[in-house]
Amino acid sequence: MPPQIQIFGVKKSFDTQKAERFFKERGISYHFVDLKEKGFSPGELKAISEVVSWEKLIDPTSPVYQKRQMQYLVVDWFEEVLQNPTLVRMPVVRWGKRVSVGYTPEMWKEWLTSSENEKRS
């Protein structure tokens, strides 16, 4: 059985809503993690950060980033994101070892196609 798709985001994020719609329309189940209610576990964040660079993961337009003027700080992004999960660009979609950041339907279509091909072989 393939790993379940996880969508990390917040309910009010337009891109997160579009990601949920993308998978719903294709009849693909997923697990939604609301970053305002529950952040990343250290293991999840480690797995994500091994695939996606911090430069792509961190959202410089996030309110926390702006308020703290983080562009001027030297920070441990791993610890910062554990404490403030809304620092990331949303949604973060994880499917096993695959990770995307932001609304990336072309990438998700590619994942689904390659998954179908793997089932056939």
N, C-alpha and C. Protein backbone atom coordinates (compact mmCIF):
# COMPACT_ATOMS: atom_id res chain seq x y z
N MET A 1 0.86 -1.19 0.00
CA MET A 1 0.00 0.00 0.00
C MET A 1 0.89 1.24 0.00
N PRO A 2 0.62 2.19 -0.90
CA PRO A 2 1.46 3.39 -0.95
C PRO A 2 1.25 4.26 0.29
N PRO A 3 2.26 5.06 0.64
CA PRO A 3 2.10 5.94 1.81
C PRO A 3 0.99 6.96 1.56
N GLN A 4 0.37 7.41 2.63
CA GLN A 4 -0.70 8.39 2.49
C GLN A 4 -0.12 9.78 2.22
N ILE A 5 -0.84 10.53 1.44
CA ILE A 5 -0.45 11.91 1.15
C ILE A 5 -0.78 12.76 2.37
N GLN A 6 0.16 13.61 2.74
CA GLN A 6 -0.06 14.57 3.83
C GLN A 6 -0.02 15.97 3.24
N ILE A 7 -0.99 16.79 3.62
CA ILE A 7 -1.00 18.19 3.23
C ILE A 7 -0.86 19.01 4.50
N PHE A 8 0.23 19.75 4.59
CA PHE A 8 0.48 20.64 5.73
C PHE A 8 0.14 22.05 5.28
N GLY A 9 -0.71 22.73 6.04
CA GLY A 9 -1.08 24.10 5.69
C GLY A 9 -2.00 24.66 6.75
N VAL A 10 -2.68 25.75 6.39
CA VAL A 10 -3.71 26.31 7.26
C VAL A 10 -5.00 26.42 6.46
N LYS A 11 -6.11 26.31 7.16
CA LYS A 11 -7.41 26.27 6.49
C LYS A 11 -7.69 27.51 5.64
N LYS A 12 -7.18 28.65 6.07
CA LYS A 12 -7.48 29.90 5.34
C LYS A 12 -6.56 30.14 4.14
N SER A 13 -5.55 29.29 3.96
CA SER A 13 -4.62 29.46 2.84
C SER A 13 -5.29 29.02 1.54
N PHE A 14 -5.37 29.95 0.59
CA PHE A 14 -5.99 29.67 -0.70
C PHE A 14 -5.27 28.53 -1.42
N ASP A 15 -3.93 28.53 -1.39
CA ASP A 15 -3.17 27.47 -2.07
C ASP A 15 -3.37 26.12 -1.39
N THR A 16 -3.52 26.12 -0.07
CA THR A 16 -3.79 24.87 0.64
C THR A 16 -5.16 24.34 0.24
N GLN A 17 -6.14 25.21 0.13
CA GLN A 17 -7.49 24.81 -0.30
C GLN A 17 -7.45 24.23 -1.71
N LYS A 18 -6.66 24.86 -2.59
CA LYS A 18 -6.55 24.35 -3.97
C LYS A 18 -5.88 22.99 -4.00
N ALA A 19 -4.89 22.78 -3.13
CA ALA A 19 -4.22 21.47 -3.06
C ALA A 19 -5.21 20.40 -2.61
N GLU A 20 -6.00 20.71 -1.59
CA GLU A 20 -7.00 19.73 -1.14
C GLU A 20 -7.99 19.41 -2.25
N ARG A 21 -8.41 20.43 -2.98
CA ARG A 21 -9.34 20.23 -4.09
C ARG A 21 -8.72 19.34 -5.16
N PHE A 22 -7.44 19.56 -5.47
CA PHE A 22 -6.73 18.78 -6.48
C PHE A 22 -6.86 17.28 -6.17
N PHE A 23 -6.56 16.89 -4.93
CA PHE A 23 -6.59 15.48 -4.57
C PHE A 23 -8.02 14.96 -4.43
N LYS A 24 -8.94 15.78 -3.90
CA LYS A 24 -10.35 15.37 -3.78
C LYS A 24 -10.94 15.06 -5.15
N GLU A 25 -10.68 15.96 -6.12
CA GLU A 25 -11.24 15.78 -7.46
C GLU A 25 -10.77 14.49 -8.12
N ARG A 26 -9.62 13.98 -7.70
CA ARG A 26 -9.07 12.75 -8.27
C ARG A 26 -9.37 11.53 -7.40
N GLY A 27 -10.16 11.74 -6.35
CA GLY A 27 -10.55 10.64 -5.48
C GLY A 27 -9.39 10.06 -4.68
N ILE A 28 -8.40 10.90 -4.38
CA ILE A 28 -7.22 10.45 -3.65
C ILE A 28 -7.32 10.92 -2.20
N SER A 29 -7.23 9.97 -1.29
CA SER A 29 -7.33 10.35 0.12
C SER A 29 -6.02 10.98 0.58
N TYR A 30 -6.14 11.85 1.53
CA TYR A 30 -4.99 12.55 2.09
C TYR A 30 -5.27 12.86 3.54
N HIS A 31 -4.22 13.21 4.26
CA HIS A 31 -4.34 13.61 5.66
C HIS A 31 -3.95 15.08 5.73
N PHE A 32 -4.87 15.92 6.21
CA PHE A 32 -4.60 17.35 6.34
C PHE A 32 -4.07 17.65 7.74
N VAL A 33 -2.97 18.38 7.81
CA VAL A 33 -2.40 18.80 9.09
C VAL A 33 -2.47 20.33 9.13
N ASP A 34 -3.29 20.84 10.04
CA ASP A 34 -3.44 22.29 10.19
C ASP A 34 -2.27 22.80 11.03
N LEU A 35 -1.41 23.58 10.40
CA LEU A 35 -0.20 24.05 11.09
C LEU A 35 -0.49 25.05 12.20
N LYS A 36 -1.71 25.58 12.25
CA LYS A 36 -2.05 26.46 13.37
C LYS A 36 -2.41 25.65 14.60
N GLU A 37 -2.87 24.40 14.38
CA GLU A 37 -3.27 23.55 15.50
C GLU A 37 -2.16 22.58 15.90
N LYS A 38 -1.47 22.04 14.92
CA LYS A 38 -0.45 21.03 15.17
C LYS A 38 0.68 21.26 14.18
N GLY A 39 1.86 21.43 14.69
CA GLY A 39 3.00 21.67 13.81
C GLY A 39 3.59 20.38 13.28
N PHE A 40 4.78 20.47 12.77
CA PHE A 40 5.50 19.32 12.27
C PHE A 40 6.11 18.55 13.45
N SER A 41 6.17 17.24 13.32
CA SER A 41 6.95 16.48 14.30
C SER A 41 8.41 16.64 13.87
N PRO A 42 9.36 16.48 14.79
CA PRO A 42 10.77 16.57 14.40
C PRO A 42 11.12 15.60 13.26
N GLY A 43 10.57 14.40 13.30
CA GLY A 43 10.85 13.42 12.24
C GLY A 43 10.32 13.85 10.88
N GLU A 44 9.09 14.39 10.87
CA GLU A 44 8.50 14.88 9.62
C GLU A 44 9.34 16.02 9.05
N LEU A 45 9.69 16.96 9.92
CA LEU A 45 10.44 18.13 9.46
C LEU A 45 11.82 17.72 8.95
N LYS A 46 12.45 16.77 9.61
CA LYS A 46 13.75 16.28 9.16
C LYS A 46 13.63 15.66 7.77
N ALA A 47 12.61 14.82 7.58
CA ALA A 47 12.39 14.18 6.27
C ALA A 47 12.12 15.22 5.19
N ILE A 48 11.34 16.22 5.50
CA ILE A 48 11.01 17.28 4.53
C ILE A 48 12.26 18.09 4.19
N SER A 49 13.03 18.47 5.22
CA SER A 49 14.20 19.32 4.99
C SER A 49 15.34 18.58 4.28
N GLU A 50 15.27 17.25 4.25
CA GLU A 50 16.27 16.49 3.48
C GLU A 50 15.96 16.51 1.99
N VAL A 51 14.71 16.84 1.65
CA VAL A 51 14.29 16.87 0.24
C VAL A 51 14.22 18.31 -0.29
N VAL A 52 13.79 19.23 0.56
CA VAL A 52 13.57 20.62 0.14
C VAL A 52 14.50 21.53 0.95
N SER A 53 15.17 22.45 0.26
CA SER A 53 16.07 23.38 0.95
C SER A 53 15.27 24.36 1.81
N TRP A 54 15.93 24.90 2.83
CA TRP A 54 15.27 25.89 3.68
C TRP A 54 14.88 27.12 2.87
N GLU A 55 15.68 27.46 1.86
CA GLU A 55 15.38 28.64 1.03
C GLU A 55 14.03 28.47 0.34
N LYS A 56 13.71 27.24 -0.08
CA LYS A 56 12.42 26.99 -0.73
C LYS A 56 11.30 26.81 0.29
N LEU A 57 11.64 26.31 1.46
CA LEU A 57 10.63 25.99 2.46
C LEU A 57 10.15 27.22 3.23
N ILE A 58 11.06 28.12 3.56
CA ILE A 58 10.70 29.29 4.39
C ILE A 58 10.00 30.35 3.53
N ASP A 59 8.92 30.90 4.08
CA ASP A 59 8.14 31.93 3.40
C ASP A 59 8.49 33.31 3.99
N PRO A 60 9.26 34.11 3.24
CA PRO A 60 9.63 35.43 3.76
C PRO A 60 8.45 36.39 3.90
N THR A 61 7.28 36.04 3.34
CA THR A 61 6.11 36.90 3.49
C THR A 61 5.24 36.50 4.69
N SER A 62 5.65 35.44 5.41
CA SER A 62 4.83 35.01 6.56
C SER A 62 4.87 36.08 7.65
N PRO A 63 3.76 36.24 8.36
CA PRO A 63 3.70 37.27 9.42
C PRO A 63 4.81 37.13 10.47
N VAL A 64 5.14 35.91 10.86
CA VAL A 64 6.18 35.70 11.87
C VAL A 64 7.52 36.19 11.33
N TYR A 65 7.83 35.82 10.09
CA TYR A 65 9.10 36.22 9.46
C TYR A 65 9.19 37.75 9.40
N GLN A 66 8.09 38.38 8.95
CA GLN A 66 8.06 39.84 8.82
C GLN A 66 8.18 40.54 10.18
N LYS A 67 7.40 40.08 11.14
CA LYS A 67 7.37 40.73 12.45
C LYS A 67 8.74 40.68 13.13
N ARG A 68 9.41 39.53 13.00
CA ARG A 68 10.70 39.36 13.66
C ARG A 68 11.87 39.80 12.77
N GLN A 69 11.56 40.27 11.55
CA GLN A 69 12.58 40.71 10.59
C GLN A 69 13.68 39.66 10.47
N MET A 70 13.25 38.45 10.17
CA MET A 70 14.16 37.31 10.19
C MET A 70 15.23 37.34 9.11
N GLN A 71 15.02 38.20 8.10
CA GLN A 71 16.06 38.32 7.06
C GLN A 71 17.37 38.84 7.64
N TYR A 72 17.30 39.47 8.82
CA TYR A 72 18.51 40.03 9.45
C TYR A 72 19.08 39.11 10.53
N LEU A 73 18.44 37.99 10.77
CA LEU A 73 18.86 37.11 11.85
C LEU A 73 19.57 35.86 11.34
N VAL A 74 20.44 35.34 12.14
CA VAL A 74 21.03 34.03 11.88
C VAL A 74 20.24 33.06 12.76
N VAL A 75 19.52 32.14 12.12
CA VAL A 75 18.63 31.26 12.89
C VAL A 75 18.85 29.80 12.54
N ASP A 76 18.47 28.95 13.44
CA ASP A 76 18.42 27.52 13.20
C ASP A 76 17.00 27.26 12.68
N TRP A 77 16.88 27.12 11.37
CA TRP A 77 15.55 27.02 10.76
C TRP A 77 14.78 25.81 11.27
N PHE A 78 15.49 24.72 11.53
CA PHE A 78 14.81 23.53 12.04
C PHE A 78 14.06 23.86 13.33
N GLU A 79 14.76 24.47 14.27
CA GLU A 79 14.14 24.82 15.56
C GLU A 79 13.05 25.89 15.38
N GLU A 80 13.32 26.88 14.52
CA GLU A 80 12.33 27.94 14.29
C GLU A 80 11.03 27.38 13.73
N VAL A 81 11.14 26.47 12.76
CA VAL A 81 9.93 25.92 12.15
C VAL A 81 9.20 24.99 13.12
N LEU A 82 9.93 24.28 13.96
CA LEU A 82 9.26 23.48 14.99
C LEU A 82 8.44 24.37 15.91
N GLN A 83 9.00 25.55 16.26
CA GLN A 83 8.31 26.49 17.16
C GLN A 83 7.22 27.30 16.44
N ASN A 84 7.47 27.64 15.16
CA ASN A 84 6.57 28.49 14.38
C ASN A 84 6.32 27.84 13.01
N PRO A 85 5.48 26.80 12.95
CA PRO A 85 5.30 26.07 11.70
C PRO A 85 4.73 26.90 10.55
N THR A 86 4.09 28.03 10.87
CA THR A 86 3.54 28.85 9.79
C THR A 86 4.61 29.68 9.08
N LEU A 87 5.88 29.45 9.41
CA LEU A 87 6.98 30.08 8.67
C LEU A 87 7.17 29.48 7.28
N VAL A 88 6.56 28.32 7.03
CA VAL A 88 6.78 27.64 5.74
C VAL A 88 5.82 28.13 4.68
N ARG A 89 6.26 28.01 3.42
CA ARG A 89 5.36 28.25 2.29
C ARG A 89 4.32 27.14 2.32
N MET A 90 3.11 27.49 1.98
CA MET A 90 2.03 26.50 2.05
C MET A 90 1.41 26.28 0.68
N PRO A 91 0.91 25.09 0.47
CA PRO A 91 0.99 23.92 1.33
C PRO A 91 2.31 23.18 1.14
N VAL A 92 2.67 22.41 2.15
CA VAL A 92 3.75 21.43 2.00
C VAL A 92 3.03 20.10 1.82
N VAL A 93 3.27 19.46 0.69
CA VAL A 93 2.63 18.17 0.40
C VAL A 93 3.70 17.11 0.44
N ARG A 94 3.44 16.07 1.21
CA ARG A 94 4.42 14.99 1.37
C ARG A 94 3.76 13.67 1.03
N TRP A 95 4.43 12.90 0.19
CA TRP A 95 3.94 11.57 -0.17
C TRP A 95 5.14 10.64 -0.13
N GLY A 96 5.32 9.97 0.98
CA GLY A 96 6.51 9.14 1.15
C GLY A 96 7.75 10.02 1.17
N LYS A 97 8.67 9.76 0.24
CA LYS A 97 9.90 10.55 0.17
C LYS A 97 9.75 11.76 -0.74
N ARG A 98 8.60 11.90 -1.37
CA ARG A 98 8.35 13.05 -2.26
C ARG A 98 7.80 14.21 -1.44
N VAL A 99 8.29 15.42 -1.75
CA VAL A 99 7.83 16.62 -1.04
C VAL A 99 7.70 17.76 -2.05
N SER A 100 6.62 18.51 -1.94
CA SER A 100 6.48 19.73 -2.74
C SER A 100 6.12 20.87 -1.79
N VAL A 101 6.45 22.08 -2.24
CA VAL A 101 6.15 23.28 -1.45
C VAL A 101 5.40 24.24 -2.35
N GLY A 102 4.27 24.74 -1.85
CA GLY A 102 3.44 25.63 -2.65
C GLY A 102 2.46 24.83 -3.49
N TYR A 103 1.69 25.54 -4.30
CA TYR A 103 0.70 24.89 -5.15
C TYR A 103 1.40 24.42 -6.42
N THR A 104 1.60 23.11 -6.53
CA THR A 104 2.37 22.55 -7.65
C THR A 104 1.63 21.38 -8.30
N PRO A 105 0.50 21.65 -8.96
CA PRO A 105 -0.30 20.56 -9.53
C PRO A 105 0.45 19.74 -10.59
N GLU A 106 1.34 20.35 -11.33
CA GLU A 106 2.08 19.58 -12.35
C GLU A 106 2.95 18.52 -11.68
N MET A 107 3.57 18.87 -10.57
CA MET A 107 4.40 17.91 -9.84
C MET A 107 3.53 16.78 -9.30
N TRP A 108 2.37 17.11 -8.75
CA TRP A 108 1.48 16.09 -8.18
C TRP A 108 0.98 15.15 -9.28
N LYS A 109 0.68 15.70 -10.46
CA LYS A 109 0.25 14.84 -11.58
C LYS A 109 1.36 13.87 -11.94
N GLU A 110 2.59 14.36 -11.93
CA GLU A 110 3.76 13.52 -12.23
C GLU A 110 3.88 12.40 -11.18
N TRP A 111 3.69 12.73 -9.91
CA TRP A 111 3.73 11.73 -8.85
C TRP A 111 2.70 10.66 -9.10
N LEU A 112 1.47 11.08 -9.41
CA LEU A 112 0.38 10.13 -9.60
C LEU A 112 0.64 9.24 -10.81
N THR A 113 1.16 9.83 -11.87
CA THR A 113 1.48 9.05 -13.08
C THR A 113 2.56 8.03 -12.78
N SER A 114 3.62 8.46 -12.09
CA SER A 114 4.70 7.52 -11.79
C SER A 114 4.23 6.44 -10.83
N SER A 115 3.31 6.77 -9.93
CA SER A 115 2.76 5.79 -9.01
C SER A 115 1.93 4.74 -9.77
N GLU A 116 1.15 5.20 -10.75
CA GLU A 116 0.37 4.28 -11.58
C GLU A 116 1.30 3.36 -12.36
N ASN A 117 2.37 3.90 -12.91
CA ASN A 117 3.33 3.10 -13.68
C ASN A 117 4.02 2.07 -12.79
N GLU A 118 4.32 2.46 -11.54
CA GLU A 118 4.96 1.52 -10.61
C GLU A 118 4.01 0.36 -10.29
N LYS A 119 2.71 0.63 -10.19
CA LYS A 119 1.73 -0.42 -9.91
C LYS A 119 1.67 -1.43 -11.05
N ARG A 120 1.80 -0.92 -12.28
CA ARG A 120 1.69 -1.78 -13.46
C ARG A 120 2.90 -2.68 -13.65
N SER A 121 4.07 -2.24 -13.18
CA SER A 121 5.28 -3.03 -13.45
C SER A 121 5.55 -4.09 -12.40
